[in-house]
Amino acid sequence: EDKAGWYLDQLKSKGMKVQAPSPEL
């Protein structure tokens, strides 16, 4: 629970596009 958000932040910091799915997806 504590680290779930941290991992997504790490992906962002490495240049990945982290986003919610579109309504269609």
mmCIF file of all heavy atoms, coordinates in Angstrom:
data_MODEL
# 
_entry.id   MODEL 
# 
loop_
_atom_site.group_PDB 
_atom_site.id 
_atom_site.type_symbol 
_atom_site.label_atom_id 
_atom_site.label_alt_id 
_atom_site.label_comp_id 
_atom_site.label_asym_id 
_atom_site.label_entity_id 
_atom_site.label_seq_id 
_atom_site.pdbx_PDB_ins_code 
_atom_site.Cartn_x 
_atom_site.Cartn_y 
_atom_site.Cartn_z 
_atom_site.occupancy 
_atom_site.B_iso_or_equiv 
_atom_site.pdbx_formal_charge 
_atom_site.auth_seq_id 
_atom_site.auth_comp_id 
_atom_site.auth_asym_id 
_atom_site.auth_atom_id 
_atom_site.pdbx_PDB_model_num 
ATOM 1   N N   . GLU A 1 1  ? 0.844   -1.207 0.000   1.00 0.00 ? 1  GLU A N   1 
ATOM 2   C CA  . GLU A 1 1  ? 0.000   0.000  0.000   1.00 0.00 ? 1  GLU A CA  1 
ATOM 3   C C   . GLU A 1 1  ? 0.871   1.247  0.000   1.00 0.00 ? 1  GLU A C   1 
ATOM 4   O O   . GLU A 1 1  ? 0.576   2.222  -0.702  1.00 0.00 ? 1  GLU A O   1 
ATOM 5   C CB  . GLU A 1 1  ? -0.919  -0.018 1.219   1.00 0.00 ? 1  GLU A CB  1 
ATOM 6   C CG  . GLU A 1 1  ? -2.036  -1.048 1.131   1.00 0.00 ? 1  GLU A CG  1 
ATOM 7   C CD  . GLU A 1 1  ? -3.026  -0.923 2.275   1.00 0.00 ? 1  GLU A CD  1 
ATOM 8   O OE1 . GLU A 1 1  ? -3.614  0.165  2.436   1.00 0.00 ? 1  GLU A OE1 1 
ATOM 9   O OE2 . GLU A 1 1  ? -3.194  -1.901 3.016   1.00 0.00 ? 1  GLU A OE2 1 
ATOM 10  N N   . ASP A 1 2  ? 1.949   1.215  0.789   1.00 0.00 ? 2  ASP A N   1 
ATOM 11  C CA  . ASP A 1 2  ? 2.841   2.370  0.888   1.00 0.00 ? 2  ASP A CA  1 
ATOM 12  C C   . ASP A 1 2  ? 3.636   2.594  -0.396  1.00 0.00 ? 2  ASP A C   1 
ATOM 13  O O   . ASP A 1 2  ? 3.946   3.729  -0.757  1.00 0.00 ? 2  ASP A O   1 
ATOM 14  C CB  . ASP A 1 2  ? 3.824   2.182  2.051   1.00 0.00 ? 2  ASP A CB  1 
ATOM 15  C CG  . ASP A 1 2  ? 3.151   2.288  3.416   1.00 0.00 ? 2  ASP A CG  1 
ATOM 16  O OD1 . ASP A 1 2  ? 1.990   2.752  3.468   1.00 0.00 ? 2  ASP A OD1 1 
ATOM 17  O OD2 . ASP A 1 2  ? 3.776   1.885  4.418   1.00 0.00 ? 2  ASP A OD2 1 
ATOM 18  N N   . LYS A 1 3  ? 3.964   1.510  -1.101  1.00 0.00 ? 3  LYS A N   1 
ATOM 19  C CA  . LYS A 1 3  ? 4.901   1.619  -2.219  1.00 0.00 ? 3  LYS A CA  1 
ATOM 20  C C   . LYS A 1 3  ? 4.235   1.656  -3.589  1.00 0.00 ? 3  LYS A C   1 
ATOM 21  O O   . LYS A 1 3  ? 4.894   1.947  -4.599  1.00 0.00 ? 3  LYS A O   1 
ATOM 22  C CB  . LYS A 1 3  ? 5.897   0.455  -2.163  1.00 0.00 ? 3  LYS A CB  1 
ATOM 23  C CG  . LYS A 1 3  ? 7.258   0.807  -2.768  1.00 0.00 ? 3  LYS A CG  1 
ATOM 24  C CD  . LYS A 1 3  ? 8.327   -0.177 -2.370  1.00 0.00 ? 3  LYS A CD  1 
ATOM 25  C CE  . LYS A 1 3  ? 9.679   0.271  -2.941  1.00 0.00 ? 3  LYS A CE  1 
ATOM 26  N NZ  . LYS A 1 3  ? 10.772  -0.653 -2.596  1.00 0.00 ? 3  LYS A NZ  1 
ATOM 27  N N   . ALA A 1 4  ? 2.938   1.379  -3.656  1.00 0.00 ? 4  ALA A N   1 
ATOM 28  C CA  . ALA A 1 4  ? 2.255   1.333  -4.955  1.00 0.00 ? 4  ALA A CA  1 
ATOM 29  C C   . ALA A 1 4  ? 2.415   2.646  -5.719  1.00 0.00 ? 4  ALA A C   1 
ATOM 30  O O   . ALA A 1 4  ? 2.739   2.660  -6.912  1.00 0.00 ? 4  ALA A O   1 
ATOM 31  C CB  . ALA A 1 4  ? 0.782   1.001  -4.767  1.00 0.00 ? 4  ALA A CB  1 
ATOM 32  N N   . GLY A 1 5  ? 2.168   3.771  -5.048  1.00 0.00 ? 5  GLY A N   1 
ATOM 33  C CA  . GLY A 1 5  ? 2.307   5.078  -5.679  1.00 0.00 ? 5  GLY A CA  1 
ATOM 34  C C   . GLY A 1 5  ? 3.751   5.409  -6.008  1.00 0.00 ? 5  GLY A C   1 
ATOM 35  O O   . GLY A 1 5  ? 4.041   6.038  -7.041  1.00 0.00 ? 5  GLY A O   1 
ATOM 36  N N   . TRP A 1 6  ? 4.661   4.965  -5.132  1.00 0.00 ? 6  TRP A N   1 
ATOM 37  C CA  . TRP A 1 6  ? 6.088   5.218  -5.350  1.00 0.00 ? 6  TRP A CA  1 
ATOM 38  C C   . TRP A 1 6  ? 6.553   4.585  -6.652  1.00 0.00 ? 6  TRP A C   1 
ATOM 39  O O   . TRP A 1 6  ? 7.317   5.199  -7.409  1.00 0.00 ? 6  TRP A O   1 
ATOM 40  C CB  . TRP A 1 6  ? 6.902   4.659  -4.181  1.00 0.00 ? 6  TRP A CB  1 
ATOM 41  C CG  . TRP A 1 6  ? 8.382   4.887  -4.290  1.00 0.00 ? 6  TRP A CG  1 
ATOM 42  C CD1 . TRP A 1 6  ? 9.089   5.985  -3.882  1.00 0.00 ? 6  TRP A CD1 1 
ATOM 43  C CD2 . TRP A 1 6  ? 9.360   3.980  -4.853  1.00 0.00 ? 6  TRP A CD2 1 
ATOM 44  N NE1 . TRP A 1 6  ? 10.444  5.825  -4.148  1.00 0.00 ? 6  TRP A NE1 1 
ATOM 45  C CE2 . TRP A 1 6  ? 10.626  4.611  -4.746  1.00 0.00 ? 6  TRP A CE2 1 
ATOM 46  C CE3 . TRP A 1 6  ? 9.273   2.714  -5.426  1.00 0.00 ? 6  TRP A CE3 1 
ATOM 47  C CZ2 . TRP A 1 6  ? 11.797  4.007  -5.183  1.00 0.00 ? 6  TRP A CZ2 1 
ATOM 48  C CZ3 . TRP A 1 6  ? 10.450  2.107  -5.882  1.00 0.00 ? 6  TRP A CZ3 1 
ATOM 49  C CH2 . TRP A 1 6  ? 11.695  2.753  -5.748  1.00 0.00 ? 6  TRP A CH2 1 
ATOM 50  N N   . TYR A 1 7  ? 6.107   3.375  -6.936  1.00 0.00 ? 7  TYR A N   1 
ATOM 51  C CA  . TYR A 1 7  ? 6.502   2.706  -8.167  1.00 0.00 ? 7  TYR A CA  1 
ATOM 52  C C   . TYR A 1 7  ? 6.040   3.489  -9.395  1.00 0.00 ? 7  TYR A C   1 
ATOM 53  O O   . TYR A 1 7  ? 6.784   3.633  -10.367 1.00 0.00 ? 7  TYR A O   1 
ATOM 54  C CB  . TYR A 1 7  ? 5.929   1.290  -8.217  1.00 0.00 ? 7  TYR A CB  1 
ATOM 55  C CG  . TYR A 1 7  ? 6.761   0.278  -7.464  1.00 0.00 ? 7  TYR A CG  1 
ATOM 56  C CD1 . TYR A 1 7  ? 6.197   -0.522 -6.481  1.00 0.00 ? 7  TYR A CD1 1 
ATOM 57  C CD2 . TYR A 1 7  ? 8.108   0.091  -7.752  1.00 0.00 ? 7  TYR A CD2 1 
ATOM 58  C CE1 . TYR A 1 7  ? 6.957   -1.472 -5.795  1.00 0.00 ? 7  TYR A CE1 1 
ATOM 59  C CE2 . TYR A 1 7  ? 8.871   -0.838 -7.076  1.00 0.00 ? 7  TYR A CE2 1 
ATOM 60  C CZ  . TYR A 1 7  ? 8.287   -1.616 -6.099  1.00 0.00 ? 7  TYR A CZ  1 
ATOM 61  O OH  . TYR A 1 7  ? 9.045   -2.537 -5.432  1.00 0.00 ? 7  TYR A OH  1 
ATOM 62  N N   . LEU A 1 8  ? 4.820   3.984  -9.363  1.00 0.00 ? 8  LEU A N   1 
ATOM 63  C CA  . LEU A 1 8  ? 4.326   4.767  -10.505 1.00 0.00 ? 8  LEU A CA  1 
ATOM 64  C C   . LEU A 1 8  ? 5.125   6.053  -10.664 1.00 0.00 ? 8  LEU A C   1 
ATOM 65  O O   . LEU A 1 8  ? 5.414   6.482  -11.792 1.00 0.00 ? 8  LEU A O   1 
ATOM 66  C CB  . LEU A 1 8  ? 2.836   5.071  -10.334 1.00 0.00 ? 8  LEU A CB  1 
ATOM 67  C CG  . LEU A 1 8  ? 1.903   3.855  -10.303 1.00 0.00 ? 8  LEU A CG  1 
ATOM 68  C CD1 . LEU A 1 8  ? 0.440   4.309  -10.279 1.00 0.00 ? 8  LEU A CD1 1 
ATOM 69  C CD2 . LEU A 1 8  ? 2.148   2.932  -11.490 1.00 0.00 ? 8  LEU A CD2 1 
ATOM 70  N N   . ASP A 1 9  ? 5.513   6.665  -9.548  1.00 0.00 ? 9  ASP A N   1 
ATOM 71  C CA  . ASP A 1 9  ? 6.361   7.864  -9.611  1.00 0.00 ? 9  ASP A CA  1 
ATOM 72  C C   . ASP A 1 9  ? 7.716   7.546  -10.247 1.00 0.00 ? 9  ASP A C   1 
ATOM 73  O O   . ASP A 1 9  ? 8.265   8.366  -10.994 1.00 0.00 ? 9  ASP A O   1 
ATOM 74  C CB  . ASP A 1 9  ? 6.568   8.445  -8.215  1.00 0.00 ? 9  ASP A CB  1 
ATOM 75  C CG  . ASP A 1 9  ? 5.312   9.106  -7.652  1.00 0.00 ? 9  ASP A CG  1 
ATOM 76  O OD1 . ASP A 1 9  ? 4.417   9.448  -8.458  1.00 0.00 ? 9  ASP A OD1 1 
ATOM 77  O OD2 . ASP A 1 9  ? 5.238   9.272  -6.421  1.00 0.00 ? 9  ASP A OD2 1 
ATOM 78  N N   . GLN A 1 10 ? 8.244   6.366  -9.932  1.00 0.00 ? 10 GLN A N   1 
ATOM 79  C CA  . GLN A 1 10 ? 9.524   5.966  -10.519 1.00 0.00 ? 10 GLN A CA  1 
ATOM 80  C C   . GLN A 1 10 ? 9.411   5.792  -12.027 1.00 0.00 ? 10 GLN A C   1 
ATOM 81  O O   . GLN A 1 10 ? 10.301  6.191  -12.780 1.00 0.00 ? 10 GLN A O   1 
ATOM 82  C CB  . GLN A 1 10 ? 10.015  4.663  -9.875  1.00 0.00 ? 10 GLN A CB  1 
ATOM 83  C CG  . GLN A 1 10 ? 10.369  4.790  -8.419  1.00 0.00 ? 10 GLN A CG  1 
ATOM 84  C CD  . GLN A 1 10 ? 11.384  5.883  -8.154  1.00 0.00 ? 10 GLN A CD  1 
ATOM 85  O OE1 . GLN A 1 10 ? 12.497  5.855  -8.699  1.00 0.00 ? 10 GLN A OE1 1 
ATOM 86  N NE2 . GLN A 1 10 ? 11.023  6.852  -7.349  1.00 0.00 ? 10 GLN A NE2 1 
ATOM 87  N N   . LEU A 1 11 ? 8.299   5.200  -12.477 1.00 0.00 ? 11 LEU A N   1 
ATOM 88  C CA  . LEU A 1 11 ? 8.093   5.041  -13.921 1.00 0.00 ? 11 LEU A CA  1 
ATOM 89  C C   . LEU A 1 11 ? 8.050   6.412  -14.602 1.00 0.00 ? 11 LEU A C   1 
ATOM 90  O O   . LEU A 1 11 ? 8.645   6.606  -15.669 1.00 0.00 ? 11 LEU A O   1 
ATOM 91  C CB  . LEU A 1 11 ? 6.802   4.271  -14.195 1.00 0.00 ? 11 LEU A CB  1 
ATOM 92  C CG  . LEU A 1 11 ? 6.716   2.838  -13.669 1.00 0.00 ? 11 LEU A CG  1 
ATOM 93  C CD1 . LEU A 1 11 ? 5.379   2.213  -14.069 1.00 0.00 ? 11 LEU A CD1 1 
ATOM 94  C CD2 . LEU A 1 11 ? 7.870   1.985  -14.170 1.00 0.00 ? 11 LEU A CD2 1 
ATOM 95  N N   . LYS A 1 12 ? 7.353   7.355  -13.961 1.00 0.00 ? 12 LYS A N   1 
ATOM 96  C CA  . LYS A 1 12 ? 7.279   8.714  -14.513 1.00 0.00 ? 12 LYS A CA  1 
ATOM 97  C C   . LYS A 1 12 ? 8.657   9.350  -14.582 1.00 0.00 ? 12 LYS A C   1 
ATOM 98  O O   . LYS A 1 12 ? 9.016   9.997  -15.572 1.00 0.00 ? 12 LYS A O   1 
ATOM 99  C CB  . LYS A 1 12 ? 6.354   9.581  -13.661 1.00 0.00 ? 12 LYS A CB  1 
ATOM 100 C CG  . LYS A 1 12 ? 4.886   9.205  -13.713 1.00 0.00 ? 12 LYS A CG  1 
ATOM 101 C CD  . LYS A 1 12 ? 4.094   10.081 -12.750 1.00 0.00 ? 12 LYS A CD  1 
ATOM 102 C CE  . LYS A 1 12 ? 2.651   9.646  -12.645 1.00 0.00 ? 12 LYS A CE  1 
ATOM 103 N NZ  . LYS A 1 12 ? 1.909   10.445 -11.624 1.00 0.00 ? 12 LYS A NZ  1 
ATOM 104 N N   . SER A 1 13 ? 9.433   9.172  -13.515 1.00 0.00 ? 13 SER A N   1 
ATOM 105 C CA  . SER A 1 13 ? 10.755  9.801  -13.461 1.00 0.00 ? 13 SER A CA  1 
ATOM 106 C C   . SER A 1 13 ? 11.701  9.252  -14.523 1.00 0.00 ? 13 SER A C   1 
ATOM 107 O O   . SER A 1 13 ? 12.675  9.904  -14.899 1.00 0.00 ? 13 SER A O   1 
ATOM 108 C CB  . SER A 1 13 ? 11.374  9.613  -12.074 1.00 0.00 ? 13 SER A CB  1 
ATOM 109 O OG  . SER A 1 13 ? 11.787  8.270  -11.874 1.00 0.00 ? 13 SER A OG  1 
ATOM 110 N N   . LYS A 1 14 ? 11.399  8.042  -15.012 1.00 0.00 ? 14 LYS A N   1 
ATOM 111 C CA  . LYS A 1 14 ? 12.216  7.436  -16.069 1.00 0.00 ? 14 LYS A CA  1 
ATOM 112 C C   . LYS A 1 14 ? 11.719  7.817  -17.459 1.00 0.00 ? 14 LYS A C   1 
ATOM 113 O O   . LYS A 1 14 ? 12.233  7.331  -18.463 1.00 0.00 ? 14 LYS A O   1 
ATOM 114 C CB  . LYS A 1 14 ? 12.208  5.918  -15.928 1.00 0.00 ? 14 LYS A CB  1 
ATOM 115 C CG  . LYS A 1 14 ? 12.742  5.405  -14.598 1.00 0.00 ? 14 LYS A CG  1 
ATOM 116 C CD  . LYS A 1 14 ? 14.206  5.748  -14.383 1.00 0.00 ? 14 LYS A CD  1 
ATOM 117 C CE  . LYS A 1 14 ? 14.711  5.124  -13.097 1.00 0.00 ? 14 LYS A CE  1 
ATOM 118 N NZ  . LYS A 1 14 ? 16.156  5.445  -12.865 1.00 0.00 ? 14 LYS A NZ  1 
ATOM 119 N N   . GLY A 1 15 ? 10.712  8.678  -17.505 1.00 0.00 ? 15 GLY A N   1 
ATOM 120 C CA  . GLY A 1 15 ? 10.232  9.183  -18.785 1.00 0.00 ? 15 GLY A CA  1 
ATOM 121 C C   . GLY A 1 15 ? 9.020   8.482  -19.354 1.00 0.00 ? 15 GLY A C   1 
ATOM 122 O O   . GLY A 1 15 ? 8.588   8.791  -20.473 1.00 0.00 ? 15 GLY A O   1 
ATOM 123 N N   . MET A 1 16 ? 8.443   7.549  -18.596 1.00 0.00 ? 16 MET A N   1 
ATOM 124 C CA  . MET A 1 16 ? 7.263   6.850  -19.103 1.00 0.00 ? 16 MET A CA  1 
ATOM 125 C C   . MET A 1 16 ? 6.010   7.712  -18.951 1.00 0.00 ? 16 MET A C   1 
ATOM 126 O O   . MET A 1 16 ? 5.904   8.530  -18.037 1.00 0.00 ? 16 MET A O   1 
ATOM 127 C CB  . MET A 1 16 ? 7.057   5.525  -18.359 1.00 0.00 ? 16 MET A CB  1 
ATOM 128 C CG  . MET A 1 16 ? 8.132   4.500  -18.633 1.00 0.00 ? 16 MET A CG  1 
ATOM 129 S SD  . MET A 1 16 ? 7.624   2.832  -18.135 1.00 0.00 ? 16 MET A SD  1 
ATOM 130 C CE  . MET A 1 16 ? 6.406   2.450  -19.403 1.00 0.00 ? 16 MET A CE  1 
ATOM 131 N N   . LYS A 1 17 ? 5.072   7.537  -19.850 1.00 0.00 ? 17 LYS A N   1 
ATOM 132 C CA  . LYS A 1 17 ? 3.774   8.193  -19.754 1.00 0.00 ? 17 LYS A CA  1 
ATOM 133 C C   . LYS A 1 17 ? 2.857   7.326  -18.903 1.00 0.00 ? 17 LYS A C   1 
ATOM 134 O O   . LYS A 1 17 ? 2.451   6.246  -19.336 1.00 0.00 ? 17 LYS A O   1 
ATOM 135 C CB  . LYS A 1 17 ? 3.169   8.397  -21.148 1.00 0.00 ? 17 LYS A CB  1 
ATOM 136 C CG  . LYS A 1 17 ? 3.964   9.332  -22.041 1.00 0.00 ? 17 LYS A CG  1 
ATOM 137 C CD  . LYS A 1 17 ? 3.296   9.479  -23.416 1.00 0.00 ? 17 LYS A CD  1 
ATOM 138 C CE  . LYS A 1 17 ? 4.079   10.414 -24.321 1.00 0.00 ? 17 LYS A CE  1 
ATOM 139 N NZ  . LYS A 1 17 ? 3.450   10.529 -25.668 1.00 0.00 ? 17 LYS A NZ  1 
ATOM 140 N N   . VAL A 1 18 ? 2.577   7.776  -17.691 1.00 0.00 ? 18 VAL A N   1 
ATOM 141 C CA  . VAL A 1 18 ? 1.708   7.048  -16.770 1.00 0.00 ? 18 VAL A CA  1 
ATOM 142 C C   . VAL A 1 18 ? 0.379   7.777  -16.728 1.00 0.00 ? 18 VAL A C   1 
ATOM 143 O O   . VAL A 1 18 ? 0.310   8.950  -16.355 1.00 0.00 ? 18 VAL A O   1 
ATOM 144 C CB  . VAL A 1 18 ? 2.331   6.976  -15.362 1.00 0.00 ? 18 VAL A CB  1 
ATOM 145 C CG1 . VAL A 1 18 ? 1.385   6.290  -14.383 1.00 0.00 ? 18 VAL A CG1 1 
ATOM 146 C CG2 . VAL A 1 18 ? 3.672   6.244  -15.427 1.00 0.00 ? 18 VAL A CG2 1 
ATOM 147 N N   . GLN A 1 19 ? -0.683  7.116  -17.139 1.00 0.00 ? 19 GLN A N   1 
ATOM 148 C CA  . GLN A 1 19 ? -1.964  7.803  -17.257 1.00 0.00 ? 19 GLN A CA  1 
ATOM 149 C C   . GLN A 1 19 ? -3.142  6.862  -17.028 1.00 0.00 ? 19 GLN A C   1 
ATOM 150 O O   . GLN A 1 19 ? -3.000  5.633  -17.106 1.00 0.00 ? 19 GLN A O   1 
ATOM 151 C CB  . GLN A 1 19 ? -2.080  8.430  -18.644 1.00 0.00 ? 19 GLN A CB  1 
ATOM 152 C CG  . GLN A 1 19 ? -1.879  7.436  -19.778 1.00 0.00 ? 19 GLN A CG  1 
ATOM 153 C CD  . GLN A 1 19 ? -1.502  8.110  -21.087 1.00 0.00 ? 19 GLN A CD  1 
ATOM 154 O OE1 . GLN A 1 19 ? -2.179  9.010  -21.551 1.00 0.00 ? 19 GLN A OE1 1 
ATOM 155 N NE2 . GLN A 1 19 ? -0.402  7.674  -21.698 1.00 0.00 ? 19 GLN A NE2 1 
ATOM 156 N N   . ALA A 1 20 ? -4.277  7.471  -16.747 1.00 0.00 ? 20 ALA A N   1 
ATOM 157 C CA  . ALA A 1 20 ? -5.512  6.697  -16.624 1.00 0.00 ? 20 ALA A CA  1 
ATOM 158 C C   . ALA A 1 20 ? -5.969  6.278  -18.014 1.00 0.00 ? 20 ALA A C   1 
ATOM 159 O O   . ALA A 1 20 ? -5.650  6.945  -19.004 1.00 0.00 ? 20 ALA A O   1 
ATOM 160 C CB  . ALA A 1 20 ? -6.586  7.546  -15.950 1.00 0.00 ? 20 ALA A CB  1 
ATOM 161 N N   . PRO A 1 21 ? -6.697  5.167  -18.125 1.00 0.00 ? 21 PRO A N   1 
ATOM 162 C CA  . PRO A 1 21 ? -7.189  4.753  -19.442 1.00 0.00 ? 21 PRO A CA  1 
ATOM 163 C C   . PRO A 1 21 ? -8.260  5.708  -19.940 1.00 0.00 ? 21 PRO A C   1 
ATOM 164 O O   . PRO A 1 21 ? -8.979  6.324  -19.147 1.00 0.00 ? 21 PRO A O   1 
ATOM 165 C CB  . PRO A 1 21 ? -7.772  3.366  -19.176 1.00 0.00 ? 21 PRO A CB  1 
ATOM 166 C CG  . PRO A 1 21 ? -8.174  3.402  -17.736 1.00 0.00 ? 21 PRO A CG  1 
ATOM 167 C CD  . PRO A 1 21 ? -7.134  4.251  -17.052 1.00 0.00 ? 21 PRO A CD  1 
ATOM 168 N N   . SER A 1 22 ? -8.366  5.868  -21.248 1.00 0.00 ? 22 SER A N   1 
ATOM 169 C CA  . SER A 1 22 ? -9.452  6.661  -21.822 1.00 0.00 ? 22 SER A CA  1 
ATOM 170 C C   . SER A 1 22 ? -10.778 5.959  -21.517 1.00 0.00 ? 22 SER A C   1 
ATOM 171 O O   . SER A 1 22 ? -10.799 4.756  -21.232 1.00 0.00 ? 22 SER A O   1 
ATOM 172 C CB  . SER A 1 22 ? -9.284  6.763  -23.344 1.00 0.00 ? 22 SER A CB  1 
ATOM 173 O OG  . SER A 1 22 ? -9.489  5.482  -23.939 1.00 0.00 ? 22 SER A OG  1 
ATOM 174 N N   . PRO A 1 23 ? -11.901 6.670  -21.589 1.00 0.00 ? 23 PRO A N   1 
ATOM 175 C CA  . PRO A 1 23 ? -13.199 6.016  -21.369 1.00 0.00 ? 23 PRO A CA  1 
ATOM 176 C C   . PRO A 1 23 ? -13.417 4.834  -22.318 1.00 0.00 ? 23 PRO A C   1 
ATOM 177 O O   . PRO A 1 23 ? -13.970 3.805  -21.922 1.00 0.00 ? 23 PRO A O   1 
ATOM 178 C CB  . PRO A 1 23 ? -14.197 7.143  -21.646 1.00 0.00 ? 23 PRO A CB  1 
ATOM 179 C CG  . PRO A 1 23 ? -13.457 8.400  -21.317 1.00 0.00 ? 23 PRO A CG  1 
ATOM 180 C CD  . PRO A 1 23 ? -12.048 8.139  -21.743 1.00 0.00 ? 23 PRO A CD  1 
ATOM 181 N N   . GLU A 1 24 ? -12.951 4.974  -23.570 1.00 0.00 ? 24 GLU A N   1 
ATOM 182 C CA  . GLU A 1 24 ? -13.113 3.888  -24.538 1.00 0.00 ? 24 GLU A CA  1 
ATOM 183 C C   . GLU A 1 24 ? -12.290 2.656  -24.141 1.00 0.00 ? 24 GLU A C   1 
ATOM 184 O O   . GLU A 1 24 ? -12.770 1.519  -24.238 1.00 0.00 ? 24 GLU A O   1 
ATOM 185 C CB  . GLU A 1 24 ? -12.679 4.352  -25.931 1.00 0.00 ? 24 GLU A CB  1 
ATOM 186 C CG  . GLU A 1 24 ? -13.574 5.411  -26.561 1.00 0.00 ? 24 GLU A CG  1 
ATOM 187 C CD  . GLU A 1 24 ? -13.315 6.817  -26.004 1.00 0.00 ? 24 GLU A CD  1 
ATOM 188 O OE1 . GLU A 1 24 ? -12.274 7.014  -25.342 1.00 0.00 ? 24 GLU A OE1 1 
ATOM 189 O OE2 . GLU A 1 24 ? -14.150 7.700  -26.245 1.00 0.00 ? 24 GLU A OE2 1 
ATOM 190 N N   . LEU A 1 25 ? -11.057 2.889  -23.687 1.00 0.00 ? 25 LEU A N   1 
ATOM 191 C CA  . LEU A 1 25 ? -10.205 1.777  -23.272 1.00 0.00 ? 25 LEU A CA  1 
ATOM 192 C C   . LEU A 1 25 ? -10.758 1.109  -22.013 1.00 0.00 ? 25 LEU A C   1 
ATOM 193 O O   . LEU A 1 25 ? -10.809 -0.120 -21.925 1.00 0.00 ? 25 LEU A O   1 
ATOM 194 C CB  . LEU A 1 25 ? -8.780  2.268  -23.029 1.00 0.00 ? 25 LEU A CB  1 
ATOM 195 C CG  . LEU A 1 25 ? -7.747  1.209  -22.652 1.00 0.00 ? 25 LEU A CG  1 
ATOM 196 C CD1 . LEU A 1 25 ? -7.631  0.146  -23.739 1.00 0.00 ? 25 LEU A CD1 1 
ATOM 197 C CD2 . LEU A 1 25 ? -6.379  1.863  -22.389 1.00 0.00 ? 25 LEU A CD2 1 
# 
